[in-house]
C-alpha atoms as a PDB file:
ATOM      1  CA  GLU A   1      71.886  78.244 118.552  1.00  0.00           C
ATOM      2  CA  THR A   2      74.495  80.837 119.268  1.00  0.00           C
ATOM      3  CA  ILE A   3      77.960  80.950 117.818  1.00  0.00           C
ATOM      4  CA  PRO A   4      80.307  81.379 120.829  1.00  0.00           C
ATOM      5  CA  THR A   5      82.674  84.341 120.645  1.00  0.00           C
ATOM      6  CA  MET A   6      86.493  83.219 119.680  1.00  0.00           C
ATOM      7  CA  LYS A   7      88.995  86.151 119.790  1.00  0.00           C
ATOM      8  CA  PHE A   8      92.421  85.850 117.902  1.00  0.00           C
ATOM      9  CA  VAL A   9      94.891  88.207 118.811  1.00  0.00           C
ATOM     10  CA  PRO A  10      98.238  87.082 116.665  1.00  0.00           C
ATOM     11  CA  ASP A  11     101.578  87.010 118.276  1.00  0.00           C
ATOM     12  CA  LEU A  12     103.675  88.855 115.973  1.00  0.00           C
ATOM     13  CA  THR A  13     106.476  86.640 116.862  1.00  0.00           C
ATOM     14  CA  THR A  14     103.734  83.380 115.987  1.00  0.00           C
ATOM     15  CA  ASP A  15     102.265  85.143 112.987  1.00  0.00           C
ATOM     16  CA  VAL A  16     104.017  83.930 109.948  1.00  0.00           C
ATOM     17  CA  THR A  17     101.366  85.160 107.684  1.00  0.00           C
ATOM     18  CA  HIS A  18     101.224  88.721 109.241  1.00  0.00           C
ATOM     19  CA  ARG A  19      97.916  89.019 109.723  1.00  0.00           C
ATOM     20  CA  GLN A  20      97.954  91.618 111.974  1.00  0.00           C
ATOM     21  CA  LEU A  21     100.410  93.826 110.077  1.00  0.00           C
ATOM     22  CA  ARG A  22      97.954  93.308 106.947  1.00  0.00           C
ATOM     23  CA  TYR A  23      94.914  94.375 109.155  1.00  0.00           C
ATOM     24  CA  LEU A  24      96.691  97.893 110.496  1.00  0.00           C
ATOM     25  CA  LEU A  25      97.880  98.180 106.977  1.00  0.00           C
ATOM     26  CA  ALA A  26      93.957  97.692 105.656  1.00  0.00           C
ATOM     27  CA  ASN A  27      92.971  99.898 108.586  1.00  0.00           C
ATOM     28  CA  VAL A  28      94.972 102.734 107.727  1.00  0.00           C
ATOM     29  CA  GLY A  29      93.789 102.607 103.893  1.00  0.00           C
ATOM     30  CA  PHE A  30      96.410 100.524 102.167  1.00  0.00           C
ATOM     31  CA  GLN A  31      95.377  98.044  99.729  1.00  0.00           C
ATOM     32  CA  GLU A  32      97.253  94.462  99.517  1.00  0.00           C
ATOM     33  CA  ILE A  33      99.086  93.537  95.788  1.00  0.00           C
ATOM     34  CA  LEU A  34     100.459  90.238  94.735  1.00  0.00           C
ATOM     35  CA  SER A  35     102.956  90.017  92.776  1.00  0.00           C
ATOM     36  CA  TYR A  36     105.953  87.994  90.721  1.00  0.00           C
ATOM     37  CA  VAL A  37     109.082  87.399  92.222  1.00  0.00           C
ATOM     38  CA  PHE A  38     110.454  87.512  88.181  1.00  0.00           C
ATOM     39  CA  MET A  39     111.750  90.665  86.553  1.00  0.00           C
ATOM     40  CA  SER A  40     114.313  91.832  83.786  1.00  0.00           C
ATOM     41  CA  ASP A  41     117.176  92.729  84.127  1.00  0.00           C
ATOM     42  CA  GLY A  42     116.591  95.978  82.584  1.00  0.00           C
ATOM     43  CA  GLU A  43     113.287  96.748  84.387  1.00  0.00           C
ATOM     44  CA  LEU A  44     115.455  96.511  87.408  1.00  0.00           C
ATOM     45  CA  ALA A  45     117.981  98.886  86.316  1.00  0.00           C
ATOM     46  CA  LYS A  46     115.310 101.541  85.303  1.00  0.00           C
ATOM     47  CA  LEU A  47     114.164 101.894  88.524  1.00  0.00           C
ATOM     48  CA  ASN A  48     117.752 101.449  90.160  1.00  0.00           C
ATOM     49  CA  ALA A  49     117.193  98.536  92.020  1.00  0.00           C
ATOM     50  CA  PRO A  50     119.941  96.259  92.757  1.00  0.00           C
ATOM     51  CA  ALA A  51     121.094  93.986  89.986  1.00  0.00           C
ATOM     52  CA  SER A  52     119.981  90.401  90.265  1.00  0.00           C
ATOM     53  CA  SER A  53     122.329  87.573  90.284  1.00  0.00           C
ATOM     54  CA  ALA A  54     119.779  84.911  90.695  1.00  0.00           C
ATOM     55  CA  LYS A  55     118.871  84.431  87.046  1.00  0.00           C
ATOM     56  CA  LEU A  56     116.478  81.708  85.605  1.00  0.00           C
ATOM     57  CA  VAL A  57     117.816  78.806  83.360  1.00  0.00           C
ATOM     58  CA  SER A  58     114.110  78.627  81.814  1.00  0.00           C
ATOM     59  CA  PRO A  59     112.505  81.626  81.951  1.00  0.00           C
ATOM     60  CA  GLN A  60     109.095  82.765  80.937  1.00  0.00           C
ATOM     61  CA  GLY A  61     110.035  85.220  79.257  1.00  0.00           C
ATOM     62  CA  ALA A  62     112.635  88.088  78.934  1.00  0.00           C
ATOM     63  CA  GLU A  63     110.465  89.813  81.057  1.00  0.00           C
ATOM     64  CA  ARG A  64     110.881  87.414  83.920  1.00  0.00           C
ATOM     65  CA  SER A  65     114.227  86.128  83.550  1.00  0.00           C
ATOM     66  CA  VAL A  66     115.527  87.061  86.999  1.00  0.00           C
ATOM     67  CA  LEU A  67     114.234  86.861  90.651  1.00  0.00           C
ATOM     68  CA  ARG A  68     113.905  90.420  92.159  1.00  0.00           C
ATOM     69  CA  THR A  69     115.934  92.215  94.454  1.00  0.00           C
ATOM     70  CA  ALA A  70     113.713  94.607  95.932  1.00  0.00           C
ATOM     71  CA  LEU A  71     109.637  94.959  96.280  1.00  0.00           C
ATOM     72  CA  TYR A  72     109.364  98.263  95.204  1.00  0.00           C
ATOM     73  CA  PRO A  73     109.613  97.876  91.486  1.00  0.00           C
ATOM     74  CA  SER A  74     106.300  95.870  91.832  1.00  0.00           C
ATOM     75  CA  LEU A  75     104.506  98.301  93.543  1.00  0.00           C
ATOM     76  CA  ILE A  76     105.708 101.471  91.107  1.00  0.00           C
ATOM     77  CA  GLN A  77     104.408  99.275  88.215  1.00  0.00           C
ATOM     78  CA  ALA A  78     101.418  98.200  89.812  1.00  0.00           C
ATOM     79  CA  ALA A  79     101.118 102.341  90.329  1.00  0.00           C
ATOM     80  CA  ALA A  80     101.936 102.753  86.687  1.00  0.00           C
ATOM     81  CA  LEU A  81      99.130 100.469  85.381  1.00  0.00           C
ATOM     82  CA  ASN A  82      96.475 102.319  87.674  1.00  0.00           C
ATOM     83  CA  HIS A  83      97.390 105.795  86.484  1.00  0.00           C
ATOM     84  CA  ALA A  84      93.891 106.615  85.963  1.00  0.00           C
ATOM     85  CA  LEU A  85      93.072 106.718  89.312  1.00  0.00           C
ATOM     86  CA  SER A  86      93.223 109.823  90.991  1.00  0.00           C
ATOM     87  CA  SER A  87      95.233 108.338  94.811  1.00  0.00           C
ATOM     88  CA  LEU A  88      96.774 105.093  95.464  1.00  0.00           C
ATOM     89  CA  ALA A  89      97.561 103.731  98.609  1.00  0.00           C
ATOM     90  CA  LEU A  90      99.145 100.301  98.141  1.00  0.00           C
ATOM     91  CA  PHE A  91     101.344  97.861  99.980  1.00  0.00           C
ATOM     92  CA  GLU A  92     103.366  94.516  99.040  1.00  0.00           C
ATOM     93  CA  ILE A  93     104.892  91.470 102.046  1.00  0.00           C
ATOM     94  CA  GLY A  94     107.096  89.590  99.727  1.00  0.00           C
ATOM     95  CA  ARG A  95     110.325  87.952  99.509  1.00  0.00           C
ATOM     96  CA  VAL A  96     113.400  89.153  97.604  1.00  0.00           C
ATOM     97  CA  PHE A  97     116.512  87.494  96.368  1.00  0.00           C
ATOM     98  CA  ASN A  98     119.942  89.151  96.781  1.00  0.00           C
ATOM     99  CA  ASP A  99     122.855  87.230  98.803  1.00  0.00           C
ATOM    100  CA  THR A 100     120.071  85.277 101.400  1.00  0.00           C
ATOM    101  CA  GLU A 101     116.066  85.789 100.574  1.00  0.00           C
ATOM    102  CA  THR A 102     114.579  88.058 102.886  1.00  0.00           C
ATOM    103  CA  GLU A 103     111.047  89.076 103.620  1.00  0.00           C
ATOM    104  CA  ARG A 104     110.078  92.458 103.249  1.00  0.00           C
ATOM    105  CA  LEU A 105     107.452  94.972 103.542  1.00  0.00           C
ATOM    106  CA  ALA A 106     107.180  97.238 100.765  1.00  0.00           C
ATOM    107  CA  LEU A 107     104.675 100.727 101.017  1.00  0.00           C
ATOM    108  CA  LEU A 108     103.866 102.991  98.331  1.00  0.00           C
ATOM    109  CA  MET A 109     101.534 106.354  98.270  1.00  0.00           C
ATOM    110  CA  SER A 110     100.372 108.838  95.690  1.00  0.00           C
ATOM    111  CA  GLY A 111      97.672 111.664  94.849  1.00  0.00           C
ATOM    112  CA  PRO A 112      95.426 113.052  97.854  1.00  0.00           C
ATOM    113  CA  THR A 113      94.935 111.131 101.035  1.00  0.00           C
ATOM    114  CA  ALA A 114      91.263 112.665 101.481  1.00  0.00           C
ATOM    115  CA  LYS A 115      88.799 114.424  98.894  1.00  0.00           C
ATOM    116  CA  GLY A 116      87.730 117.144  99.801  1.00  0.00           C
ATOM    117  CA  GLU A 117      84.125 118.356  99.204  1.00  0.00           C
ATOM    118  CA  TRP A 118      84.296 122.191 100.495  1.00  0.00           C
ATOM    119  CA  GLN A 119      87.924 122.599 101.052  1.00  0.00           C
ATOM    120  CA  ALA A 120      90.920 121.763  98.445  1.00  0.00           C
ATOM    121  CA  ASP A 121      92.119 117.706  98.280  1.00  0.00           C
ATOM    122  CA  GLN A 122      94.260 117.313 101.289  1.00  0.00           C
ATOM    123  CA  LYS A 123      97.741 116.227  98.961  1.00  0.00           C
ATOM    124  CA  THR A 124     100.073 113.199 100.096  1.00  0.00           C
ATOM    125  CA  ASP A 125     103.209 114.228 101.149  1.00  0.00           C
ATOM    126  CA  PHE A 126     106.208 112.760 102.824  1.00  0.00           C
ATOM    127  CA  TYR A 127     104.721 113.660 106.814  1.00  0.00           C
ATOM    128  CA  THR A 128     101.353 112.423 105.770  1.00  0.00           C
ATOM    129  CA  PHE A 129     103.266 108.737 104.786  1.00  0.00           C
ATOM    130  CA  LYS A 130     105.718 108.698 107.788  1.00  0.00           C
ATOM    131  CA  GLY A 131     102.680 109.918 109.679  1.00  0.00           C
ATOM    132  CA  LEU A 132     100.438 106.533 109.081  1.00  0.00           C
ATOM    133  CA  LEU A 133     104.173 104.414 109.601  1.00  0.00           C
ATOM    134  CA  GLU A 134     104.085 106.251 112.966  1.00  0.00           C
ATOM    135  CA  LYS A 135     100.473 105.474 113.816  1.00  0.00           C
ATOM    136  CA  ILE A 136     101.369 101.649 112.899  1.00  0.00           C
ATOM    137  CA  ALA A 137     104.440 101.522 115.501  1.00  0.00           C
ATOM    138  CA  LYS A 138     102.241 103.166 118.112  1.00  0.00           C
ATOM    139  CA  THR A 139      99.704 100.555 117.656  1.00  0.00           C
ATOM    140  CA  LEU A 140     102.370  97.512 117.740  1.00  0.00           C
ATOM    141  CA  GLY A 141     104.374  99.527 120.994  1.00  0.00           C
ATOM    142  CA  ALA A 142     107.499 100.153 119.005  1.00  0.00           C
ATOM    143  CA  THR A 143     109.300 103.657 118.413  1.00  0.00           C
ATOM    144  CA  PHE A 144     109.391 104.709 114.952  1.00  0.00           C
ATOM    145  CA  ALA A 145     112.197 107.403 113.906  1.00  0.00           C
ATOM    146  CA  VAL A 146     113.928 108.738 110.656  1.00  0.00           C
ATOM    147  CA  GLU A 147     117.141 109.699 109.515  1.00  0.00           C
ATOM    148  CA  PRO A 148     118.795 111.281 106.679  1.00  0.00           C
ATOM    149  CA  ARG A 149     120.176 108.964 104.290  1.00  0.00           C
ATOM    150  CA  GLU A 150     120.579 108.687  99.790  1.00  0.00           C
ATOM    151  CA  VAL A 151     118.914 106.248  98.115  1.00  0.00           C
ATOM    152  CA  PRO A 152     119.510 105.889  94.546  1.00  0.00           C
ATOM    153  CA  TYR A 153     115.769 105.071  93.739  1.00  0.00           C
ATOM    154  CA  LEU A 154     114.328 107.863  96.169  1.00  0.00           C
ATOM    155  CA  HIS A 155     114.312 111.809  95.856  1.00  0.00           C
ATOM    156  CA  PRO A 156     117.933 113.032  96.856  1.00  0.00           C
ATOM    157  CA  GLY A 157     116.611 115.563  99.393  1.00  0.00           C
ATOM    158  CA  VAL A 158     113.584 113.601 100.593  1.00  0.00           C
ATOM    159  CA  SER A 159     114.579 110.114 101.500  1.00  0.00           C
ATOM    160  CA  ALA A 160     115.861 108.381 105.072  1.00  0.00           C
ATOM    161  CA  ALA A 161     116.245 105.518 106.593  1.00  0.00           C
ATOM    162  CA  VAL A 162     113.316 103.970 108.911  1.00  0.00           C
ATOM    163  CA  LEU A 163     114.617 103.057 112.656  1.00  0.00           C
ATOM    164  CA  TRP A 164     112.450 100.980 114.273  1.00  0.00           C
ATOM    165  CA  ASN A 165     113.269 100.565 118.195  1.00  0.00           C
ATOM    166  CA  GLY A 166     116.436 102.020 117.237  1.00  0.00           C
ATOM    167  CA  GLN A 167     117.229  99.255 114.572  1.00  0.00           C
ATOM    168  CA  ASP A 168     117.776 100.473 110.673  1.00  0.00           C
ATOM    169  CA  ILE A 169     115.176  98.392 108.926  1.00  0.00           C
ATOM    170  CA  GLY A 170     114.835  99.907 105.457  1.00  0.00           C
ATOM    171  CA  MET A 171     114.278 103.248 103.708  1.00  0.00           C
ATOM    172  CA  ILE A 172     111.363 105.660 103.284  1.00  0.00           C
ATOM    173  CA  GLY A 173     111.099 108.652 100.931  1.00  0.00           C
ATOM    174  CA  GLN A 174     109.704 110.268  97.570  1.00  0.00           C
ATOM    175  CA  LEU A 175     110.283 108.147  94.212  1.00  0.00           C
ATOM    176  CA  HIS A 176     112.948 109.581  92.076  1.00  0.00           C
ATOM    177  CA  PRO A 177     111.638 112.264  89.741  1.00  0.00           C
ATOM    178  CA  GLU A 178     113.523 110.767  87.107  1.00  0.00           C
ATOM    179  CA  ILE A 179     111.942 107.106  87.722  1.00  0.00           C
ATOM    180  CA  ALA A 180     108.319 108.945  88.435  1.00  0.00           C
ATOM    181  CA  ALA A 181     109.076 110.491  85.183  1.00  0.00           C
ATOM    182  CA  ARG A 182     109.524 107.060  83.003  1.00  0.00           C
ATOM    183  CA  TYR A 183     106.409 105.497  84.644  1.00  0.00           C
ATOM    184  CA  GLU A 184     104.849 108.884  84.246  1.00  0.00           C
ATOM    185  CA  LEU A 185     103.721 109.443  87.566  1.00  0.00           C
ATOM    186  CA  GLU A 186     102.956 112.023  90.013  1.00  0.00           C
ATOM    187  CA  THR A 187     104.629 112.430  92.993  1.00  0.00           C
ATOM    188  CA  THR A 188     104.871 108.977  94.875  1.00  0.00           C
ATOM    189  CA  TYR A 189     106.038 108.289  97.934  1.00  0.00           C
ATOM    190  CA  ILE A 190     107.309 104.651  98.474  1.00  0.00           C
ATOM    191  CA  ALA A 191     108.739 102.724 101.970  1.00  0.00           C
ATOM    192  CA  GLU A 192     110.460  99.290 101.779  1.00  0.00           C
ATOM    193  CA  LEU A 193     111.160  98.067 104.994  1.00  0.00           C
ATOM    194  CA  LEU A 194     112.826  94.384 106.771  1.00  0.00           C
END
């Protein structure tokens, strides 16, 4: 007659579906997207992403002729398709194909993080975005730091390497204004992590 209590606390080393990470990201307001691993050379170039060496023999079409080399292009495309929304907080966990196949996490935020009723909207900025990642790191018992680094797809003055427990695991920053203009996006922040 009664359902037994069952508690499941995923172990990060054995949680191959990344359930805990997905839960933490959803808890701070992110929504997960799933996208194709196929892209076009032109789209990768338009987004300042690394060129793909994995070309498909029988592609579905010219727009899906190579394997992706980064996750952030999919998030930018999703943001462009949803530009009518005033704010976005998206993430994707997926595979990218460079010299080796690796799994990554990419995040994107744009628009206000909080809508104001009697005060102005709270706008997303680099520190708000970084603060959410710091909160996740703290929840997982990890240290989180950033150090300035230039990245081709990020704003030259607002880009950094992410250090997780002292190890360089990716990049965080504001999307390069030229790329944002190509996709008619407002100020957008992205991170891509191993």
